[in-house]
C-alpha atoms as a PDB file:
ATOM      1  CA  MET A   1     -52.311 -24.546-104.997  1.00  0.00           C
ATOM      2  CA  PRO A   2     -55.144 -22.169-104.059  1.00  0.00           C
ATOM      3  CA  SER A   3     -57.461 -23.012-101.193  1.00  0.00           C
ATOM      4  CA  ARG A   4     -60.992 -21.810-100.503  1.00  0.00           C
ATOM      5  CA  PHE A   5     -61.658 -19.549 -97.520  1.00  0.00           C
ATOM      6  CA  TYR A   6     -65.013 -18.378 -96.192  1.00  0.00           C
ATOM      7  CA  PHE A   7     -65.820 -15.056 -94.523  1.00  0.00           C
ATOM      8  CA  ASP A   8     -68.649 -15.320 -91.994  1.00  0.00           C
ATOM      9  CA  ILE A   9     -69.828 -12.379 -89.923  1.00  0.00           C
ATOM     10  CA  GLU A  10     -71.161 -12.647 -86.389  1.00  0.00           C
ATOM     11  CA  ASN A  11     -72.150 -10.430 -83.485  1.00  0.00           C
ATOM     12  CA  GLY A  12     -72.610 -12.918 -80.661  1.00  0.00           C
ATOM     13  CA  GLU A  13     -76.318 -13.326 -81.392  1.00  0.00           C
ATOM     14  CA  GLU A  14     -76.378 -13.852 -85.141  1.00  0.00           C
ATOM     15  CA  THR A  15     -74.031 -15.497 -87.641  1.00  0.00           C
ATOM     16  CA  ILE A  16     -74.213 -14.869 -91.370  1.00  0.00           C
ATOM     17  CA  ARG A  17     -72.427 -17.704 -93.174  1.00  0.00           C
ATOM     18  CA  ASP A  18     -70.484 -17.246 -96.400  1.00  0.00           C
ATOM     19  CA  ALA A  19     -71.486 -20.138 -98.649  1.00  0.00           C
ATOM     20  CA  GLN A  20     -69.432 -19.033-101.678  1.00  0.00           C
ATOM     21  CA  GLY A  21     -66.001 -18.239-100.256  1.00  0.00           C
ATOM     22  CA  VAL A  22     -62.931 -16.995-102.107  1.00  0.00           C
ATOM     23  CA  GLU A  23     -59.857 -18.670-103.554  1.00  0.00           C
ATOM     24  CA  ALA A  24     -56.517 -17.637-102.025  1.00  0.00           C
ATOM     25  CA  GLU A  25     -52.979 -18.982-102.221  1.00  0.00           C
ATOM     26  CA  ASP A  26     -52.635 -19.071 -98.425  1.00  0.00           C
ATOM     27  CA  LEU A  27     -54.024 -17.731 -95.153  1.00  0.00           C
ATOM     28  CA  ALA A  28     -52.085 -14.461 -95.461  1.00  0.00           C
ATOM     29  CA  GLU A  29     -53.697 -13.740 -98.834  1.00  0.00           C
ATOM     30  CA  ALA A  30     -57.134 -14.672 -97.457  1.00  0.00           C
ATOM     31  CA  LEU A  31     -56.678 -12.307 -94.490  1.00  0.00           C
ATOM     32  CA  ALA A  32     -55.574  -9.510 -96.822  1.00  0.00           C
ATOM     33  CA  GLU A  33     -58.743 -10.060 -98.866  1.00  0.00           C
ATOM     34  CA  ALA A  34     -60.811 -10.045 -95.680  1.00  0.00           C
ATOM     35  CA  ARG A  35     -59.313  -6.728 -94.593  1.00  0.00           C
ATOM     36  CA  SER A  36     -60.073  -5.202 -97.991  1.00  0.00           C
ATOM     37  CA  VAL A  37     -63.823  -5.818 -97.590  1.00  0.00           C
ATOM     38  CA  ILE A  38     -64.179  -4.883 -93.905  1.00  0.00           C
ATOM     39  CA  ASP A  39     -64.782  -1.156 -94.589  1.00  0.00           C
ATOM     40  CA  GLU A  40     -67.612  -1.967 -97.004  1.00  0.00           C
ATOM     41  CA  MET A  41     -69.119  -4.475 -94.583  1.00  0.00           C
ATOM     42  CA  ALA A  42     -68.898  -2.036 -91.681  1.00  0.00           C
ATOM     43  CA  GLY A  43     -70.988   0.526 -93.551  1.00  0.00           C
ATOM     44  CA  GLU A  44     -73.596  -2.033 -94.534  1.00  0.00           C
ATOM     45  CA  LEU A  45     -73.858  -3.497 -91.028  1.00  0.00           C
ATOM     46  CA  GLU A  46     -74.147  -0.069 -89.419  1.00  0.00           C
ATOM     47  CA  ALA A  47     -76.931   0.859 -91.850  1.00  0.00           C
ATOM     48  CA  ALA A  48     -78.750  -2.389 -91.030  1.00  0.00           C
ATOM     49  CA  GLY A  49     -78.573  -1.717 -87.316  1.00  0.00           C
ATOM     50  CA  PRO A  50     -75.883  -0.185 -85.125  1.00  0.00           C
ATOM     51  CA  ASP A  51     -76.380  -2.696 -82.309  1.00  0.00           C
ATOM     52  CA  GLY A  52     -73.635  -5.122 -81.447  1.00  0.00           C
ATOM     53  CA  ALA A  53     -69.994  -5.519 -82.327  1.00  0.00           C
ATOM     54  CA  TRP A  54     -69.537  -7.543 -85.504  1.00  0.00           C
ATOM     55  CA  THR A  55     -66.595  -9.816 -86.238  1.00  0.00           C
ATOM     56  CA  LEU A  56     -65.452 -11.266 -89.549  1.00  0.00           C
ATOM     57  CA  VAL A  57     -64.627 -14.954 -89.009  1.00  0.00           C
ATOM     58  CA  VAL A  58     -62.344 -16.605 -91.569  1.00  0.00           C
ATOM     59  CA  ARG A  59     -62.833 -20.346 -92.092  1.00  0.00           C
ATOM     60  CA  ASP A  60     -60.742 -22.672 -94.244  1.00  0.00           C
ATOM     61  CA  ALA A  61     -62.087 -25.351 -96.596  1.00  0.00           C
ATOM     62  CA  THR A  62     -62.494 -27.795 -93.693  1.00  0.00           C
ATOM     63  CA  GLY A  63     -64.642 -25.322 -91.775  1.00  0.00           C
ATOM     64  CA  ALA A  64     -61.981 -24.611 -89.144  1.00  0.00           C
ATOM     65  CA  VAL A  65     -61.764 -21.020 -87.894  1.00  0.00           C
ATOM     66  CA  VAL A  66     -58.365 -19.650 -88.940  1.00  0.00           C
ATOM     67  CA  GLY A  67     -58.816 -15.948 -88.210  1.00  0.00           C
ATOM     68  CA  ARG A  68     -61.043 -13.304 -86.630  1.00  0.00           C
ATOM     69  CA  LEU A  69     -61.076  -9.621 -87.536  1.00  0.00           C
ATOM     70  CA  PRO A  70     -63.230  -6.948 -85.835  1.00  0.00           C
ATOM     71  CA  ILE A  71     -65.576  -4.963 -88.064  1.00  0.00           C
ATOM     72  CA  LYS A  72     -65.812  -1.398 -86.834  1.00  0.00           C
ATOM     73  CA  GLY A  73     -69.037   0.392 -87.702  1.00  0.00           C
END
C-alpha cells in the first residue's frame, strides 16, 4: 500500500517544508523520486542565491526523517 513522503529542503538557516508530498510504494521508491528532482532543485536554489549548502530531507507520513540527500548547486 502506498505511503506519503515529503521532501523538505534546508540549508541550516532556513527550512522549506513540503506540504503536499508524494505517494510511493516504499522508502526506496521515495528516494528514487527525490533523486530525480534534485537537479531541478539545485538550479532553482542556485538562481535564488548561491549561499549555503542545501539538503533535501525526506520525511514519512508520521513526520519522521527517513533520508537526507545533498543538493549540489
